[in-house]
Amino acid sequence: ASLSTLEFLVGTPLNLLCLIYFISKSKVSNSRFSHISISTVDVIQCSLSIFPALTCYFKGSKILFGPAFLCSIYGIIWNITPRLSVFLVTVLSISRTASLIYPLRHIRRRFVAVPVIIYTT
């Protein structure tokens, strides 16, 4: 429970800070799009970590896990967000590698957005 609390208390504010920073940048780029996506997924993941901790702290009180549909939704999101975060970092790495291999070519947003849309659907 203490690790989940630490993840919530440290991860959520710092990822929100990153998200605000990248949203406030005026330059539109693939890197900005990727970082906003990664920060959003990480904020969701860190925010969800408080519910198991609260359940432990309140001696098994069913704060979120009482209704079956909430438990199911939580389980789905909890399982998807880490995979999506790793996938987004992979897309960012591939786009950066392509930028290094072809430095004078502009990488279109479609190159980054299409795999993300396909993966998430």
C-alpha atoms as a PDB file:
ATOM      1  CA  ALA A   1       0.000   0.000   0.000  1.00  0.00           C
ATOM      2  CA  SER A   2       2.861   2.383   0.730  1.00  0.00           C
ATOM      3  CA  LEU A   3       4.336   1.967  -2.771  1.00  0.00           C
ATOM      4  CA  SER A   4       0.961   2.691  -4.357  1.00  0.00           C
ATOM      5  CA  THR A   5       0.611   5.782  -2.184  1.00  0.00           C
ATOM      6  CA  LEU A   6       4.099   6.926  -3.117  1.00  0.00           C
ATOM      7  CA  GLU A   7       3.324   6.350  -6.805  1.00  0.00           C
ATOM      8  CA  PHE A   8       0.191   8.461  -6.439  1.00  0.00           C
ATOM      9  CA  LEU A   9       1.804  11.250  -4.413  1.00  0.00           C
ATOM     10  CA  VAL A  10       4.925  11.579  -6.586  1.00  0.00           C
ATOM     11  CA  GLY A  11       3.886  10.292  -9.994  1.00  0.00           C
ATOM     12  CA  THR A  12       0.599  12.108 -10.450  1.00  0.00           C
ATOM     13  CA  PRO A  13       1.833  15.681  -9.747  1.00  0.00           C
ATOM     14  CA  LEU A  14       5.074  15.243 -11.690  1.00  0.00           C
ATOM     15  CA  ASN A  15       3.325  13.754 -14.713  1.00  0.00           C
ATOM     16  CA  LEU A  16       0.725  16.535 -14.539  1.00  0.00           C
ATOM     17  CA  LEU A  17       3.577  19.037 -14.512  1.00  0.00           C
ATOM     18  CA  CYS A  18       5.060  17.395 -17.619  1.00  0.00           C
ATOM     19  CA  LEU A  19       1.654  17.369 -19.288  1.00  0.00           C
ATOM     20  CA  ILE A  20       1.106  21.073 -18.592  1.00  0.00           C
ATOM     21  CA  TYR A  21       4.595  21.885 -19.867  1.00  0.00           C
ATOM     22  CA  PHE A  22       4.160  20.069 -23.173  1.00  0.00           C
ATOM     23  CA  ILE A  23       0.643  21.418 -23.707  1.00  0.00           C
ATOM     24  CA  SER A  24       1.896  24.974 -23.143  1.00  0.00           C
ATOM     25  CA  LYS A  25       4.663  24.675 -25.741  1.00  0.00           C
ATOM     26  CA  SER A  26       3.620  26.561 -28.840  1.00  0.00           C
ATOM     27  CA  LYS A  27       5.621  24.584 -31.387  1.00  0.00           C
ATOM     28  CA  VAL A  28       3.608  21.730 -32.871  1.00  0.00           C
ATOM     29  CA  SER A  29       5.751  18.653 -33.381  1.00  0.00           C
ATOM     30  CA  ASN A  30       5.694  14.878 -33.294  1.00  0.00           C
ATOM     31  CA  SER A  31       7.787  14.920 -30.154  1.00  0.00           C
ATOM     32  CA  ARG A  32       5.299  17.183 -28.390  1.00  0.00           C
ATOM     33  CA  PHE A  33       2.412  14.936 -29.483  1.00  0.00           C
ATOM     34  CA  SER A  34       4.245  11.859 -28.194  1.00  0.00           C
ATOM     35  CA  HIS A  35       5.159  13.444 -24.868  1.00  0.00           C
ATOM     36  CA  ILE A  36       1.596  14.679 -24.294  1.00  0.00           C
ATOM     37  CA  SER A  37       0.288  11.179 -24.996  1.00  0.00           C
ATOM     38  CA  ILE A  38       2.833   9.519 -22.691  1.00  0.00           C
ATOM     39  CA  SER A  39       2.183  12.022 -19.884  1.00  0.00           C
ATOM     40  CA  THR A  40      -1.589  11.573 -20.173  1.00  0.00           C
ATOM     41  CA  VAL A  41      -1.340   7.797 -19.927  1.00  0.00           C
ATOM     42  CA  ASP A  42       1.080   8.046 -16.997  1.00  0.00           C
ATOM     43  CA  VAL A  43      -1.199  10.488 -15.134  1.00  0.00           C
ATOM     44  CA  ILE A  44      -4.049   8.001 -15.505  1.00  0.00           C
ATOM     45  CA  GLN A  45      -1.868   5.116 -14.313  1.00  0.00           C
ATOM     46  CA  CYS A  46      -0.545   7.008 -11.301  1.00  0.00           C
ATOM     47  CA  SER A  47      -4.003   8.298 -10.382  1.00  0.00           C
ATOM     48  CA  LEU A  48      -5.424   4.779 -10.381  1.00  0.00           C
ATOM     49  CA  SER A  49      -2.779   3.550  -7.956  1.00  0.00           C
ATOM     50  CA  ILE A  50      -4.456   5.242  -4.987  1.00  0.00           C
ATOM     51  CA  PHE A  51      -7.517   2.967  -4.986  1.00  0.00           C
ATOM     52  CA  PRO A  52      -5.754  -0.278  -3.951  1.00  0.00           C
ATOM     53  CA  ALA A  53      -3.843   1.704  -1.313  1.00  0.00           C
ATOM     54  CA  LEU A  54      -7.050   3.177   0.107  1.00  0.00           C
ATOM     55  CA  THR A  55      -8.585  -0.288   0.184  1.00  0.00           C
ATOM     56  CA  CYS A  56      -5.625  -1.518   2.256  1.00  0.00           C
ATOM     57  CA  TYR A  57      -5.608   1.529   4.548  1.00  0.00           C
ATOM     58  CA  PHE A  58      -9.330   1.211   5.288  1.00  0.00           C
ATOM     59  CA  LYS A  59      -9.073  -2.510   6.095  1.00  0.00           C
ATOM     60  CA  GLY A  60     -10.729  -3.900   2.980  1.00  0.00           C
ATOM     61  CA  SER A  61     -13.389  -1.233   2.574  1.00  0.00           C
ATOM     62  CA  LYS A  62     -14.739  -1.494  -0.944  1.00  0.00           C
ATOM     63  CA  ILE A  63     -14.135   2.106  -2.002  1.00  0.00           C
ATOM     64  CA  LEU A  64     -13.966   1.393  -5.714  1.00  0.00           C
ATOM     65  CA  PHE A  65     -14.169  -2.343  -5.859  1.00  0.00           C
ATOM     66  CA  GLY A  66     -17.699  -2.775  -4.506  1.00  0.00           C
ATOM     67  CA  PRO A  67     -19.764  -2.454  -7.681  1.00  0.00           C
ATOM     68  CA  ALA A  68     -18.718  -5.107 -10.213  1.00  0.00           C
ATOM     69  CA  PHE A  69     -18.769  -2.760 -13.209  1.00  0.00           C
ATOM     70  CA  LEU A  70     -16.381  -0.278 -11.508  1.00  0.00           C
ATOM     71  CA  CYS A  71     -14.060  -3.122 -10.631  1.00  0.00           C
ATOM     72  CA  SER A  72     -14.137  -4.307 -14.254  1.00  0.00           C
ATOM     73  CA  ILE A  73     -13.483  -0.834 -15.648  1.00  0.00           C
ATOM     74  CA  TYR A  74     -10.632  -0.348 -13.192  1.00  0.00           C
ATOM     75  CA  GLY A  75      -9.110  -3.696 -14.188  1.00  0.00           C
ATOM     76  CA  ILE A  76      -9.306  -2.905 -17.887  1.00  0.00           C
ATOM     77  CA  ILE A  77      -7.722   0.534 -17.499  1.00  0.00           C
ATOM     78  CA  TRP A  78      -5.096  -0.806 -15.062  1.00  0.00           C
ATOM     79  CA  ASN A  79      -4.049  -3.446 -17.605  1.00  0.00           C
ATOM     80  CA  ILE A  80      -4.100  -1.196 -20.675  1.00  0.00           C
ATOM     81  CA  THR A  81      -2.226   1.875 -19.412  1.00  0.00           C
ATOM     82  CA  PRO A  82       1.204   0.282 -18.789  1.00  0.00           C
ATOM     83  CA  ARG A  83       1.153  -1.398 -22.186  1.00  0.00           C
ATOM     84  CA  LEU A  84       0.060   1.810 -23.872  1.00  0.00           C
ATOM     85  CA  SER A  85       2.780   3.781 -22.097  1.00  0.00           C
ATOM     86  CA  VAL A  86       5.477   1.369 -23.289  1.00  0.00           C
ATOM     87  CA  PHE A  87       4.025   1.433 -26.808  1.00  0.00           C
ATOM     88  CA  LEU A  88       4.071   5.242 -26.888  1.00  0.00           C
ATOM     89  CA  VAL A  89       7.696   5.334 -25.740  1.00  0.00           C
ATOM     90  CA  THR A  90       8.456   2.864 -28.548  1.00  0.00           C
ATOM     91  CA  VAL A  91       6.746   5.115 -31.101  1.00  0.00           C
ATOM     92  CA  LEU A  92       8.725   8.085 -29.773  1.00  0.00           C
ATOM     93  CA  SER A  93      11.972   6.110 -30.032  1.00  0.00           C
ATOM     94  CA  ILE A  94      11.214   5.002 -33.587  1.00  0.00           C
ATOM     95  CA  SER A  95      10.369   8.535 -34.694  1.00  0.00           C
ATOM     96  CA  ARG A  96      13.576   9.857 -33.111  1.00  0.00           C
ATOM     97  CA  THR A  97      15.598   7.106 -34.780  1.00  0.00           C
ATOM     98  CA  ALA A  98      14.018   7.990 -38.126  1.00  0.00           C
ATOM     99  CA  SER A  99      14.944  11.646 -37.499  1.00  0.00           C
ATOM    100  CA  LEU A 100      18.557  10.631 -36.922  1.00  0.00           C
ATOM    101  CA  ILE A 101      18.716   8.394 -39.981  1.00  0.00           C
ATOM    102  CA  TYR A 102      17.002  10.941 -42.250  1.00  0.00           C
ATOM    103  CA  PRO A 103      17.920  14.317 -40.727  1.00  0.00           C
ATOM    104  CA  LEU A 104      16.749  16.459 -43.636  1.00  0.00           C
ATOM    105  CA  ARG A 105      13.353  14.810 -44.051  1.00  0.00           C
ATOM    106  CA  HIS A 106      10.321  16.042 -42.193  1.00  0.00           C
ATOM    107  CA  ILE A 107       8.542  13.218 -40.381  1.00  0.00           C
ATOM    108  CA  ARG A 108       4.823  13.656 -40.880  1.00  0.00           C
ATOM    109  CA  ARG A 109       2.481  13.491 -37.954  1.00  0.00           C
ATOM    110  CA  ARG A 110       0.689  10.664 -39.738  1.00  0.00           C
ATOM    111  CA  PHE A 111       3.831   8.544 -39.226  1.00  0.00           C
ATOM    112  CA  VAL A 112       3.369   8.893 -35.479  1.00  0.00           C
ATOM    113  CA  ALA A 113      -0.430   9.136 -35.156  1.00  0.00           C
ATOM    114  CA  VAL A 114      -1.488   6.183 -37.304  1.00  0.00           C
ATOM    115  CA  PRO A 115       0.284   3.479 -35.230  1.00  0.00           C
ATOM    116  CA  VAL A 116      -1.096   4.988 -32.019  1.00  0.00           C
ATOM    117  CA  ILE A 117      -4.654   5.021 -33.387  1.00  0.00           C
ATOM    118  CA  ILE A 118      -4.352   1.470 -34.706  1.00  0.00           C
ATOM    119  CA  TYR A 119      -2.919   0.199 -31.413  1.00  0.00           C
ATOM    120  CA  THR A 120      -5.571   1.831 -29.262  1.00  0.00           C
ATOM    121  CA  THR A 121      -8.536   0.578 -31.282  1.00  0.00           C
END
